[in-house]
Amino acid sequence: MKYVIAIAVTGGLLAASSMPSKADTIALYGDTLRTTCSLEQREDFNLLVYVYHQAGAGATGCRFRVPFQNCLVDISGPAQLNQFPNTTGRAVDGVAVYYGDALTGWVHVMTLLYWSTFYPGFPHCCEQPITPHPSSETGEVEAFDVDGDAEIAATLSGIYEGDASCPCTTPTGIPDQEDSTWSRVKALYSAR
């Protein structure tokens, strides 16, 4: 009986530890209300890209890159409007942003301003991904937890001049922790 109880308790602990935690997401939006990831040019020839961090259990910063896409022909920029003074680097090359305090919820990290000499000047349905910073510790886009440790963050790409034919993606980049943990538990029992 004690053996069965020990297995049940161990199984419960393993199941609890295999639950995926709320992952942070670094996302690109076309507006400050985060209603669309379609990045659309305004009639003044400008295009604003809002970079947000959805911070789960408290984040002290993030590290990522928003590379200039080949589809952006005759486009200039980006000018980078930082929301936090402790920002190192440029988004197109790799940027690290430190918030100073542990923040939760939606954090407006920065705004990128692109411009064109004509309207409409931006390509239809061109994806703008968020990629890892060249100095990434994990090799992925990163968020920093309350202890300053780098953790993998999911990403949500923007779409230049998006519409129904090229909808926004769902966040990507987080390893499936639940499946990998469950696979290890199954391997323990199948070896017997």
N, C-alpha and C. Protein backbone atom coordinates (compact mmCIF):
# COMPACT_ATOMS: atom_id res chain seq x y z
N MET A 1 0.83 -1.19 0.00
CA MET A 1 0.00 0.00 0.00
C MET A 1 0.87 1.25 0.00
N LYS A 2 1.97 1.24 0.80
CA LYS A 2 2.86 2.40 0.84
C LYS A 2 3.47 2.65 -0.53
N TYR A 3 3.76 1.56 -1.30
CA TYR A 3 4.36 1.67 -2.62
C TYR A 3 3.39 2.41 -3.57
N VAL A 4 2.11 2.08 -3.50
CA VAL A 4 1.09 2.71 -4.35
C VAL A 4 0.96 4.20 -3.98
N ILE A 5 0.95 4.51 -2.68
CA ILE A 5 0.85 5.90 -2.24
C ILE A 5 2.07 6.69 -2.70
N ALA A 6 3.26 6.10 -2.59
CA ALA A 6 4.49 6.78 -3.02
C ALA A 6 4.44 7.08 -4.51
N ILE A 7 3.94 6.14 -5.32
CA ILE A 7 3.82 6.36 -6.76
C ILE A 7 2.81 7.48 -7.03
N ALA A 8 1.70 7.48 -6.32
CA ALA A 8 0.67 8.51 -6.51
C ALA A 8 1.21 9.89 -6.15
N VAL A 9 1.93 9.99 -5.04
CA VAL A 9 2.49 11.27 -4.63
C VAL A 9 3.55 11.72 -5.63
N THR A 10 4.45 10.81 -6.02
CA THR A 10 5.49 11.14 -6.99
C THR A 10 4.86 11.55 -8.31
N GLY A 11 3.85 10.79 -8.74
CA GLY A 11 3.16 11.12 -10.00
C GLY A 11 2.51 12.49 -9.93
N GLY A 12 1.92 12.82 -8.78
CA GLY A 12 1.29 14.13 -8.61
C GLY A 12 2.31 15.25 -8.66
N LEU A 13 3.48 15.03 -8.04
CA LEU A 13 4.53 16.05 -8.08
C LEU A 13 5.07 16.23 -9.49
N LEU A 14 5.26 15.11 -10.21
CA LEU A 14 5.73 15.21 -11.58
C LEU A 14 4.71 15.91 -12.46
N ALA A 15 3.43 15.60 -12.26
CA ALA A 15 2.39 16.24 -13.06
C ALA A 15 2.34 17.73 -12.78
N ALA A 16 2.50 18.11 -11.53
CA ALA A 16 2.47 19.54 -11.18
C ALA A 16 3.67 20.26 -11.78
N SER A 17 4.85 19.61 -11.77
CA SER A 17 6.03 20.28 -12.32
C SER A 17 6.03 20.28 -13.84
N SER A 18 5.21 19.46 -14.47
CA SER A 18 5.18 19.42 -15.92
C SER A 18 4.22 20.43 -16.51
N MET A 19 3.47 21.12 -15.66
CA MET A 19 2.55 22.13 -16.18
C MET A 19 3.35 23.29 -16.75
N PRO A 20 3.08 23.68 -17.99
CA PRO A 20 3.84 24.78 -18.55
C PRO A 20 3.53 26.09 -17.81
N SER A 21 4.57 26.88 -17.58
CA SER A 21 4.36 28.16 -16.93
C SER A 21 3.91 29.18 -17.96
N LYS A 22 3.35 30.28 -17.48
CA LYS A 22 2.91 31.33 -18.38
C LYS A 22 4.15 31.96 -18.99
N ALA A 23 4.30 31.78 -20.26
CA ALA A 23 5.48 32.28 -20.95
C ALA A 23 5.32 33.74 -21.33
N ASP A 24 6.42 34.46 -21.31
CA ASP A 24 6.43 35.82 -21.78
C ASP A 24 6.38 35.82 -23.31
N THR A 25 5.86 36.88 -23.89
CA THR A 25 5.79 37.02 -25.35
C THR A 25 6.28 38.40 -25.74
N ILE A 26 7.14 38.47 -26.75
CA ILE A 26 7.56 39.73 -27.35
C ILE A 26 6.78 39.81 -28.66
N ALA A 27 6.04 40.91 -28.86
CA ALA A 27 5.11 40.99 -29.99
C ALA A 27 5.21 42.33 -30.72
N LEU A 28 4.88 42.29 -32.01
CA LEU A 28 4.82 43.49 -32.84
C LEU A 28 3.37 43.78 -33.15
N TYR A 29 2.97 45.03 -32.96
CA TYR A 29 1.59 45.44 -33.23
C TYR A 29 1.57 46.71 -34.08
N GLY A 30 0.46 46.90 -34.77
CA GLY A 30 0.28 48.06 -35.61
C GLY A 30 -0.42 49.21 -34.91
N ASP A 31 -0.79 49.02 -33.65
CA ASP A 31 -1.45 50.09 -32.90
C ASP A 31 -1.14 49.95 -31.41
N THR A 32 -1.38 51.02 -30.68
CA THR A 32 -1.04 51.03 -29.25
C THR A 32 -2.02 50.21 -28.41
N LEU A 33 -3.17 49.87 -28.97
CA LEU A 33 -4.15 49.06 -28.24
C LEU A 33 -3.93 47.57 -28.43
N ARG A 34 -2.95 47.21 -29.26
CA ARG A 34 -2.60 45.80 -29.54
C ARG A 34 -3.77 45.04 -30.16
N THR A 35 -4.51 45.69 -31.06
CA THR A 35 -5.65 45.02 -31.69
C THR A 35 -5.28 44.34 -32.99
N THR A 36 -4.13 44.69 -33.58
CA THR A 36 -3.75 44.08 -34.85
C THR A 36 -2.23 43.98 -34.98
N CYS A 37 -1.80 42.91 -35.61
CA CYS A 37 -0.37 42.81 -35.92
C CYS A 37 -0.14 43.20 -37.38
N SER A 38 -1.17 43.71 -38.06
CA SER A 38 -1.00 44.24 -39.40
C SER A 38 -0.34 45.61 -39.28
N LEU A 39 0.83 45.75 -39.89
CA LEU A 39 1.62 46.97 -39.80
C LEU A 39 1.32 47.79 -41.05
N GLU A 40 0.53 48.84 -40.91
CA GLU A 40 0.03 49.55 -42.07
C GLU A 40 0.56 50.97 -42.15
N GLN A 41 0.90 51.36 -43.38
CA GLN A 41 1.42 52.70 -43.62
C GLN A 41 0.30 53.73 -43.50
N ARG A 42 0.65 54.84 -42.89
CA ARG A 42 -0.31 55.94 -42.77
C ARG A 42 -0.15 56.86 -43.98
N GLU A 43 -1.10 57.74 -44.19
CA GLU A 43 -1.05 58.63 -45.35
C GLU A 43 0.09 59.64 -45.29
N ASP A 44 0.70 59.81 -44.12
CA ASP A 44 1.87 60.70 -44.04
C ASP A 44 3.16 59.96 -44.40
N PHE A 45 3.00 58.78 -45.00
CA PHE A 45 4.08 57.92 -45.49
C PHE A 45 4.79 57.16 -44.38
N ASN A 46 4.45 57.39 -43.14
CA ASN A 46 5.09 56.72 -42.02
C ASN A 46 4.40 55.39 -41.69
N LEU A 47 5.16 54.53 -41.08
CA LEU A 47 4.63 53.28 -40.57
C LEU A 47 5.21 53.08 -39.18
N LEU A 48 4.34 52.91 -38.19
CA LEU A 48 4.79 52.72 -36.81
C LEU A 48 4.61 51.25 -36.42
N VAL A 49 5.63 50.70 -35.80
CA VAL A 49 5.59 49.33 -35.30
C VAL A 49 5.79 49.42 -33.79
N TYR A 50 4.81 48.93 -33.05
CA TYR A 50 4.86 48.97 -31.59
C TYR A 50 5.35 47.63 -31.07
N VAL A 51 6.43 47.67 -30.29
CA VAL A 51 6.99 46.45 -29.70
C VAL A 51 6.49 46.36 -28.26
N TYR A 52 5.81 45.25 -27.96
CA TYR A 52 5.27 45.02 -26.62
C TYR A 52 5.84 43.73 -26.05
N HIS A 53 5.90 43.71 -24.73
CA HIS A 53 6.32 42.51 -23.99
C HIS A 53 5.17 42.14 -23.06
N GLN A 54 4.61 40.97 -23.27
CA GLN A 54 3.60 40.48 -22.33
C GLN A 54 4.37 39.73 -21.24
N ALA A 55 4.51 40.38 -20.10
CA ALA A 55 5.32 39.85 -19.01
C ALA A 55 4.44 39.02 -18.09
N GLY A 56 4.83 37.77 -17.89
CA GLY A 56 4.04 36.86 -17.05
C GLY A 56 4.23 37.10 -15.57
N ALA A 57 5.20 36.43 -14.97
CA ALA A 57 5.38 36.45 -13.52
C ALA A 57 6.28 37.58 -13.05
N GLY A 58 6.50 38.54 -13.87
CA GLY A 58 7.38 39.66 -13.53
C GLY A 58 8.64 39.59 -14.37
N ALA A 59 8.86 40.59 -15.17
CA ALA A 59 10.03 40.62 -16.04
C ALA A 59 10.80 41.92 -15.79
N THR A 60 12.12 41.82 -15.87
CA THR A 60 12.97 42.98 -15.66
C THR A 60 13.58 43.49 -16.96
N GLY A 61 13.26 42.83 -18.08
CA GLY A 61 13.78 43.28 -19.37
C GLY A 61 13.59 42.23 -20.44
N CYS A 62 14.11 42.52 -21.63
CA CYS A 62 14.05 41.57 -22.74
C CYS A 62 15.20 41.85 -23.70
N ARG A 63 15.47 40.85 -24.56
CA ARG A 63 16.55 40.96 -25.54
C ARG A 63 16.09 40.29 -26.82
N PHE A 64 16.19 41.04 -27.95
CA PHE A 64 15.67 40.53 -29.22
C PHE A 64 16.26 41.32 -30.37
N ARG A 65 15.80 40.98 -31.57
CA ARG A 65 16.20 41.68 -32.79
C ARG A 65 14.99 41.76 -33.70
N VAL A 66 14.81 42.90 -34.38
CA VAL A 66 13.76 43.06 -35.40
C VAL A 66 14.51 43.39 -36.69
N PRO A 67 14.96 42.36 -37.42
CA PRO A 67 15.82 42.61 -38.58
C PRO A 67 15.08 43.32 -39.72
N PHE A 68 15.83 44.10 -40.48
CA PHE A 68 15.27 44.78 -41.64
C PHE A 68 15.00 43.72 -42.71
N GLN A 69 13.78 43.67 -43.20
CA GLN A 69 13.38 42.64 -44.16
C GLN A 69 13.72 43.04 -45.60
N ASN A 70 14.11 42.04 -46.43
CA ASN A 70 14.42 42.27 -47.83
C ASN A 70 13.23 42.82 -48.61
N CYS A 71 12.02 42.53 -48.15
CA CYS A 71 10.83 42.99 -48.86
C CYS A 71 10.61 44.49 -48.71
N LEU A 72 11.36 45.14 -47.83
CA LEU A 72 11.19 46.57 -47.61
C LEU A 72 12.05 47.35 -48.60
N VAL A 73 11.60 47.42 -49.84
CA VAL A 73 12.31 48.13 -50.90
C VAL A 73 11.93 49.61 -50.83
N ASP A 74 12.89 50.50 -51.01
CA ASP A 74 12.66 51.95 -50.95
C ASP A 74 12.06 52.40 -49.62
N ILE A 75 12.42 51.71 -48.57
CA ILE A 75 11.93 52.03 -47.23
C ILE A 75 13.13 52.48 -46.40
N SER A 76 12.95 53.49 -45.59
CA SER A 76 14.01 53.98 -44.72
C SER A 76 13.63 53.70 -43.27
N GLY A 77 14.65 53.67 -42.43
CA GLY A 77 14.41 53.47 -41.02
C GLY A 77 15.01 52.17 -40.55
N PRO A 78 14.67 51.77 -39.38
CA PRO A 78 13.73 52.45 -38.50
C PRO A 78 14.40 53.43 -37.56
N ALA A 79 13.67 54.46 -37.23
CA ALA A 79 14.04 55.30 -36.09
C ALA A 79 13.47 54.56 -34.88
N GLN A 80 14.20 54.57 -33.80
CA GLN A 80 13.81 53.79 -32.62
C GLN A 80 13.46 54.72 -31.48
N LEU A 81 12.22 54.65 -31.03
CA LEU A 81 11.74 55.48 -29.93
C LEU A 81 11.65 54.60 -28.68
N ASN A 82 12.68 54.68 -27.83
CA ASN A 82 12.76 53.81 -26.65
C ASN A 82 11.84 54.29 -25.54
N GLN A 83 11.23 53.35 -24.84
CA GLN A 83 10.38 53.68 -23.70
C GLN A 83 11.14 53.61 -22.38
N PHE A 84 12.31 52.97 -22.39
CA PHE A 84 13.10 52.80 -21.17
C PHE A 84 14.51 53.34 -21.41
N PRO A 85 15.05 54.14 -20.48
CA PRO A 85 16.36 54.75 -20.70
C PRO A 85 17.51 53.75 -20.76
N ASN A 86 17.36 52.62 -20.11
CA ASN A 86 18.43 51.62 -20.10
C ASN A 86 18.23 50.64 -21.25
N THR A 87 18.39 51.15 -22.46
CA THR A 87 18.25 50.36 -23.69
C THR A 87 19.59 50.37 -24.41
N THR A 88 20.09 49.18 -24.74
CA THR A 88 21.38 49.06 -25.39
C THR A 88 21.21 48.46 -26.77
N GLY A 89 21.69 49.15 -27.79
CA GLY A 89 21.66 48.64 -29.15
C GLY A 89 20.48 49.15 -29.94
N ARG A 90 20.43 48.70 -31.19
CA ARG A 90 19.35 49.05 -32.11
C ARG A 90 18.56 47.80 -32.43
N ALA A 91 17.26 47.94 -32.58
CA ALA A 91 16.40 46.78 -32.84
C ALA A 91 16.82 46.02 -34.08
N VAL A 92 17.28 46.71 -35.13
CA VAL A 92 17.65 46.00 -36.37
C VAL A 92 18.90 45.16 -36.19
N ASP A 93 19.77 45.52 -35.25
CA ASP A 93 21.01 44.78 -35.02
C ASP A 93 20.92 43.85 -33.82
N GLY A 94 20.06 44.17 -32.88
CA GLY A 94 19.93 43.45 -31.62
C GLY A 94 19.87 44.46 -30.50
N VAL A 95 18.84 44.37 -29.67
CA VAL A 95 18.63 45.35 -28.61
C VAL A 95 18.35 44.63 -27.30
N ALA A 96 18.87 45.20 -26.21
CA ALA A 96 18.58 44.71 -24.87
C ALA A 96 17.92 45.87 -24.12
N VAL A 97 16.80 45.59 -23.49
CA VAL A 97 16.04 46.61 -22.78
C VAL A 97 15.88 46.16 -21.33
N TYR A 98 16.26 47.03 -20.40
CA TYR A 98 16.15 46.73 -18.98
C TYR A 98 15.16 47.70 -18.36
N TYR A 99 14.15 47.17 -17.66
CA TYR A 99 13.05 47.99 -17.16
C TYR A 99 13.35 48.70 -15.85
N GLY A 100 14.27 48.19 -15.08
CA GLY A 100 14.55 48.79 -13.78
C GLY A 100 13.78 48.11 -12.66
N ASP A 101 12.53 47.78 -12.88
CA ASP A 101 11.70 47.08 -11.91
C ASP A 101 11.10 45.84 -12.58
N ALA A 102 10.63 44.91 -11.77
CA ALA A 102 9.92 43.75 -12.30
C ALA A 102 8.51 44.19 -12.70
N LEU A 103 8.18 44.03 -13.96
CA LEU A 103 6.88 44.45 -14.47
C LEU A 103 6.07 43.23 -14.89
N THR A 104 4.75 43.34 -14.81
CA THR A 104 3.85 42.29 -15.27
C THR A 104 2.85 42.91 -16.24
N GLY A 105 2.16 42.06 -16.97
CA GLY A 105 1.17 42.54 -17.93
C GLY A 105 1.84 43.02 -19.20
N TRP A 106 1.14 43.89 -19.93
CA TRP A 106 1.65 44.41 -21.20
C TRP A 106 2.59 45.58 -20.97
N VAL A 107 3.81 45.47 -21.49
CA VAL A 107 4.83 46.50 -21.35
C VAL A 107 5.15 47.04 -22.74
N HIS A 108 4.96 48.33 -22.96
CA HIS A 108 5.35 48.96 -24.23
C HIS A 108 6.85 49.17 -24.19
N VAL A 109 7.59 48.39 -24.98
CA VAL A 109 9.05 48.39 -24.95
C VAL A 109 9.61 49.54 -25.79
N MET A 110 9.12 49.66 -27.03
CA MET A 110 9.62 50.71 -27.94
C MET A 110 8.70 50.82 -29.14
N THR A 111 8.89 51.90 -29.88
CA THR A 111 8.18 52.09 -31.14
C THR A 111 9.23 52.25 -32.23
N LEU A 112 9.02 51.56 -33.35
CA LEU A 112 9.92 51.67 -34.49
C LEU A 112 9.19 52.47 -35.57
N LEU A 113 9.86 53.45 -36.15
CA LEU A 113 9.28 54.30 -37.17
C LEU A 113 9.99 54.06 -38.50
N TYR A 114 9.24 53.58 -39.49
CA TYR A 114 9.74 53.40 -40.85
C TYR A 114 9.08 54.44 -41.74
N TRP A 115 9.70 54.81 -42.84
CA TRP A 115 9.07 55.74 -43.76
C TRP A 115 9.43 55.41 -45.19
N SER A 116 8.55 55.81 -46.08
CA SER A 116 8.70 55.58 -47.50
C SER A 116 8.53 56.91 -48.22
N THR A 117 9.07 57.01 -49.41
CA THR A 117 8.95 58.25 -50.17
C THR A 117 7.68 58.30 -51.00
N PHE A 118 6.89 57.26 -50.96
CA PHE A 118 5.63 57.25 -51.71
C PHE A 118 4.57 56.46 -50.96
N TYR A 119 3.33 56.67 -51.33
CA TYR A 119 2.20 55.99 -50.68
C TYR A 119 1.34 55.34 -51.75
N PRO A 120 0.96 54.12 -51.70
CA PRO A 120 1.45 53.15 -50.70
C PRO A 120 2.84 52.66 -51.07
N GLY A 121 3.68 52.54 -50.07
CA GLY A 121 5.05 52.17 -50.33
C GLY A 121 5.50 50.88 -49.69
N PHE A 122 4.64 50.25 -48.88
CA PHE A 122 5.05 49.04 -48.19
C PHE A 122 4.48 47.81 -48.89
N PRO A 123 5.21 46.72 -48.89
CA PRO A 123 4.76 45.51 -49.58
C PRO A 123 3.57 44.86 -48.87
N HIS A 124 2.75 44.20 -49.62
CA HIS A 124 1.58 43.49 -49.10
C HIS A 124 2.00 42.13 -48.55
N CYS A 125 1.57 41.83 -47.35
CA CYS A 125 1.75 40.50 -46.74
C CYS A 125 3.21 40.09 -46.53
N CYS A 126 4.05 41.02 -46.16
CA CYS A 126 5.45 40.72 -45.86
C CYS A 126 5.57 40.54 -44.35
N GLU A 127 6.08 39.40 -43.92
CA GLU A 127 6.19 39.13 -42.48
C GLU A 127 7.40 39.83 -41.88
N GLN A 128 7.21 40.42 -40.70
CA GLN A 128 8.31 41.02 -39.94
C GLN A 128 8.49 40.20 -38.66
N PRO A 129 9.46 39.28 -38.67
CA PRO A 129 9.66 38.46 -37.47
C PRO A 129 10.48 39.17 -36.40
N ILE A 130 10.44 38.60 -35.22
CA ILE A 130 11.33 38.99 -34.13
C ILE A 130 12.29 37.81 -33.99
N THR A 131 13.58 38.09 -33.98
CA THR A 131 14.58 37.03 -33.95
C THR A 131 15.48 37.20 -32.72
N PRO A 132 16.29 36.19 -32.41
CA PRO A 132 17.17 36.29 -31.25
C PRO A 132 18.23 37.38 -31.41
N HIS A 133 18.58 37.99 -30.31
CA HIS A 133 19.70 38.93 -30.23
C HIS A 133 20.97 38.14 -30.53
N PRO A 134 21.94 38.71 -31.23
CA PRO A 134 23.19 37.98 -31.51
C PRO A 134 23.90 37.47 -30.26
N SER A 135 23.70 38.12 -29.10
CA SER A 135 24.36 37.70 -27.86
C SER A 135 23.45 36.88 -26.95
N SER A 136 22.37 36.36 -27.50
CA SER A 136 21.40 35.61 -26.71
C SER A 136 22.06 34.43 -26.00
N GLU A 137 21.79 34.31 -24.70
CA GLU A 137 22.32 33.19 -23.91
C GLU A 137 21.67 31.88 -24.29
N THR A 138 20.39 31.93 -24.66
CA THR A 138 19.63 30.72 -24.95
C THR A 138 19.57 30.41 -26.44
N GLY A 139 19.99 31.35 -27.28
CA GLY A 139 19.87 31.17 -28.72
C GLY A 139 18.47 31.53 -29.22
N GLU A 140 17.64 32.09 -28.33
CA GLU A 140 16.26 32.45 -28.66
C GLU A 140 16.00 33.89 -28.23
N VAL A 141 14.81 34.39 -28.57
CA VAL A 141 14.37 35.68 -28.05
C VAL A 141 14.20 35.50 -26.54
N GLU A 142 14.63 36.50 -25.76
CA GLU A 142 14.68 36.31 -24.32
C GLU A 142 13.93 37.38 -23.54
N ALA A 143 13.41 36.96 -22.40
CA ALA A 143 12.87 37.85 -21.37
C ALA A 143 13.68 37.57 -20.12
N PHE A 144 13.87 38.59 -19.30
CA PHE A 144 14.64 38.42 -18.06
C PHE A 144 13.67 38.38 -16.88
N ASP A 145 13.82 37.35 -16.05
CA ASP A 145 12.93 37.19 -14.90
C ASP A 145 13.36 38.13 -13.76
N VAL A 146 12.68 38.01 -12.62
CA VAL A 146 12.94 38.92 -11.49
C VAL A 146 14.36 38.78 -10.94
N ASP A 147 15.01 37.65 -11.20
CA ASP A 147 16.39 37.45 -10.76
C ASP A 147 17.40 37.87 -11.82
N GLY A 148 16.89 38.33 -12.99
CA GLY A 148 17.77 38.74 -14.08
C GLY A 148 18.22 37.60 -14.97
N ASP A 149 17.65 36.41 -14.76
CA ASP A 149 18.01 35.25 -15.58
C ASP A 149 17.26 35.29 -16.90
N ALA A 150 17.94 34.92 -17.98
CA ALA A 150 17.33 34.90 -19.31
C ALA A 150 16.45 33.68 -19.47
N GLU A 151 15.23 33.89 -19.95
CA GLU A 151 14.30 32.81 -20.24
C GLU A 151 13.80 32.97 -21.67
N ILE A 152 13.48 31.88 -22.32
CA ILE A 152 12.99 31.93 -23.69
C ILE A 152 11.61 32.58 -23.72
N ALA A 153 11.43 33.51 -24.64
CA ALA A 153 10.14 34.18 -24.81
C ALA A 153 9.53 33.78 -26.15
N ALA A 154 8.23 33.68 -26.18
CA ALA A 154 7.53 33.45 -27.44
C ALA A 154 7.56 34.76 -28.23
N THR A 155 7.27 34.69 -29.53
CA THR A 155 7.23 35.89 -30.36
C THR A 155 5.95 35.92 -31.17
N LEU A 156 5.52 37.12 -31.50
CA LEU A 156 4.38 37.33 -32.40
C LEU A 156 4.85 38.30 -33.47
N SER A 157 4.97 37.79 -34.70
CA SER A 157 5.44 38.60 -35.82
C SER A 157 4.39 39.60 -36.25
N GLY A 158 4.85 40.66 -36.89
CA GLY A 158 3.95 41.61 -37.53
C GLY A 158 3.88 41.30 -39.01
N ILE A 159 2.84 41.78 -39.66
CA ILE A 159 2.66 41.58 -41.11
C ILE A 159 2.49 42.96 -41.74
N TYR A 160 3.39 43.31 -42.67
CA TYR A 160 3.25 44.59 -43.37
C TYR A 160 2.04 44.52 -44.30
N GLU A 161 1.15 45.50 -44.15
CA GLU A 161 -0.06 45.61 -44.98
C GLU A 161 -0.81 44.28 -45.03
N GLY A 162 -1.05 43.71 -43.87
CA GLY A 162 -1.72 42.42 -43.78
C GLY A 162 -3.21 42.51 -44.03
N ASP A 163 -3.80 41.39 -44.41
CA ASP A 163 -5.25 41.28 -44.58
C ASP A 163 -5.64 39.82 -44.37
N ALA A 164 -6.84 39.44 -44.78
CA ALA A 164 -7.33 38.07 -44.55
C ALA A 164 -6.49 37.02 -45.28
N SER A 165 -5.81 37.41 -46.36
CA SER A 165 -4.99 36.44 -47.10
C SER A 165 -3.67 36.15 -46.40
N CYS A 166 -3.29 36.99 -45.44
CA CYS A 166 -2.05 36.77 -44.69
C CYS A 166 -2.28 37.16 -43.24
N PRO A 167 -3.02 36.34 -42.51
CA PRO A 167 -3.37 36.69 -41.14
C PRO A 167 -2.16 36.64 -40.21
N CYS A 168 -2.32 37.28 -39.08
CA CYS A 168 -1.27 37.27 -38.07
C CYS A 168 -1.08 35.85 -37.55
N THR A 169 0.12 35.59 -37.09
CA THR A 169 0.44 34.26 -36.57
C THR A 169 0.07 34.18 -35.10
N THR A 170 0.14 32.99 -34.57
CA THR A 170 0.02 32.81 -33.12
C THR A 170 1.43 32.85 -32.56
N PRO A 171 1.60 33.18 -31.29
CA PRO A 171 2.95 33.24 -30.72
C PRO A 171 3.70 31.94 -30.92
N THR A 172 4.98 32.06 -31.28
CA THR A 172 5.83 30.89 -31.50
C THR A 172 7.12 31.05 -30.72
N GLY A 173 7.83 29.94 -30.55
CA GLY A 173 9.16 30.01 -29.97
C GLY A 173 9.31 29.38 -28.61
N ILE A 174 8.22 28.99 -27.97
CA ILE A 174 8.33 28.38 -26.64
C ILE A 174 8.39 26.85 -26.81
N PRO A 175 9.41 26.22 -26.26
CA PRO A 175 9.45 24.76 -26.31
C PRO A 175 8.25 24.18 -25.57
N ASP A 176 7.73 23.08 -26.04
CA ASP A 176 6.58 22.46 -25.40
C ASP A 176 7.07 21.72 -24.16
N GLN A 177 7.06 22.40 -23.03
CA GLN A 177 7.60 21.84 -21.79
C GLN A 177 6.79 20.65 -21.32
N GLU A 178 5.47 20.69 -21.52
CA GLU A 178 4.63 19.61 -21.02
C GLU A 178 4.95 18.31 -21.75
N ASP A 179 5.06 18.35 -23.08
CA ASP A 179 5.35 17.14 -23.82
C ASP A 179 6.72 16.58 -23.47
N SER A 180 7.73 17.44 -23.36
CA SER A 180 9.07 16.94 -23.09
C SER A 180 9.14 16.32 -21.69
N THR A 181 8.46 16.89 -20.71
CA THR A 181 8.47 16.34 -19.35
C THR A 181 7.70 15.02 -19.33
N TRP A 182 6.56 14.97 -19.99
CA TRP A 182 5.77 13.75 -20.02
C TRP A 182 6.56 12.63 -20.70
N SER A 183 7.31 12.96 -21.75
CA SER A 183 8.12 11.95 -22.43
C SER A 183 9.15 11.36 -21.48
N ARG A 184 9.74 12.20 -20.64
CA ARG A 184 10.71 11.69 -19.68
C ARG A 184 10.07 10.79 -18.63
N VAL A 185 8.86 11.14 -18.18
CA VAL A 185 8.17 10.31 -17.20
C VAL A 185 7.83 8.96 -17.82
N LYS A 186 7.31 8.96 -19.04
CA LYS A 186 6.97 7.69 -19.70
C LYS A 186 8.22 6.83 -19.89
N ALA A 187 9.35 7.46 -20.22
CA ALA A 187 10.58 6.72 -20.41
C ALA A 187 11.03 6.02 -19.13
N LEU A 188 10.79 6.65 -17.98
CA LEU A 188 11.15 6.02 -16.71
C LEU A 188 10.40 4.72 -16.50
N TYR A 189 9.11 4.71 -16.82
CA TYR A 189 8.29 3.53 -16.58
C TYR A 189 8.44 2.48 -17.67
N SER A 190 8.75 2.88 -18.88
CA SER A 190 8.89 1.89 -19.95
C SER A 190 10.21 1.15 -19.86
N ALA A 191 11.17 1.70 -19.12
CA ALA A 191 12.47 1.03 -18.96
C ALA A 191 12.38 -0.15 -18.00
N ARG A 192 11.30 -0.24 -17.23
CA ARG A 192 11.18 -1.32 -16.23
C ARG A 192 10.61 -2.55 -16.80
